[in-house]
Amino acid sequence: MLTTPVRSDPRATLRAGLPDRYLTPIDIAELFEVPLETVYQWRKKRTGPPGFRVGKHLRYDPAAVHRWVAERAIEDAA
């Protein structure tokens, strides 16, 4: 019996708070429950988590995303 691989929810792949791979813009949109266009606007305005290019592909380091979230939490608490 063949099974079709199912794309796992990035929130379900978190281990010790960080996924095992670099995140895509789609992963970021799913994690923060925002439209994909919002992720691209964050990047354009330099207000979202820091991303980087691998060729033509945009990727996010899970550790950098974690730091970005922590910084937002500190700013909101102040």
Foldseek 3Di string as FASTA:
>chain_A
DDDDDDDDQQVVQDDPQFHPDWAALVNVCSVVVHDSVVSVVCVVVVNAFDWDDDDPGITHHRVSNVVSVVVVVVVVVD
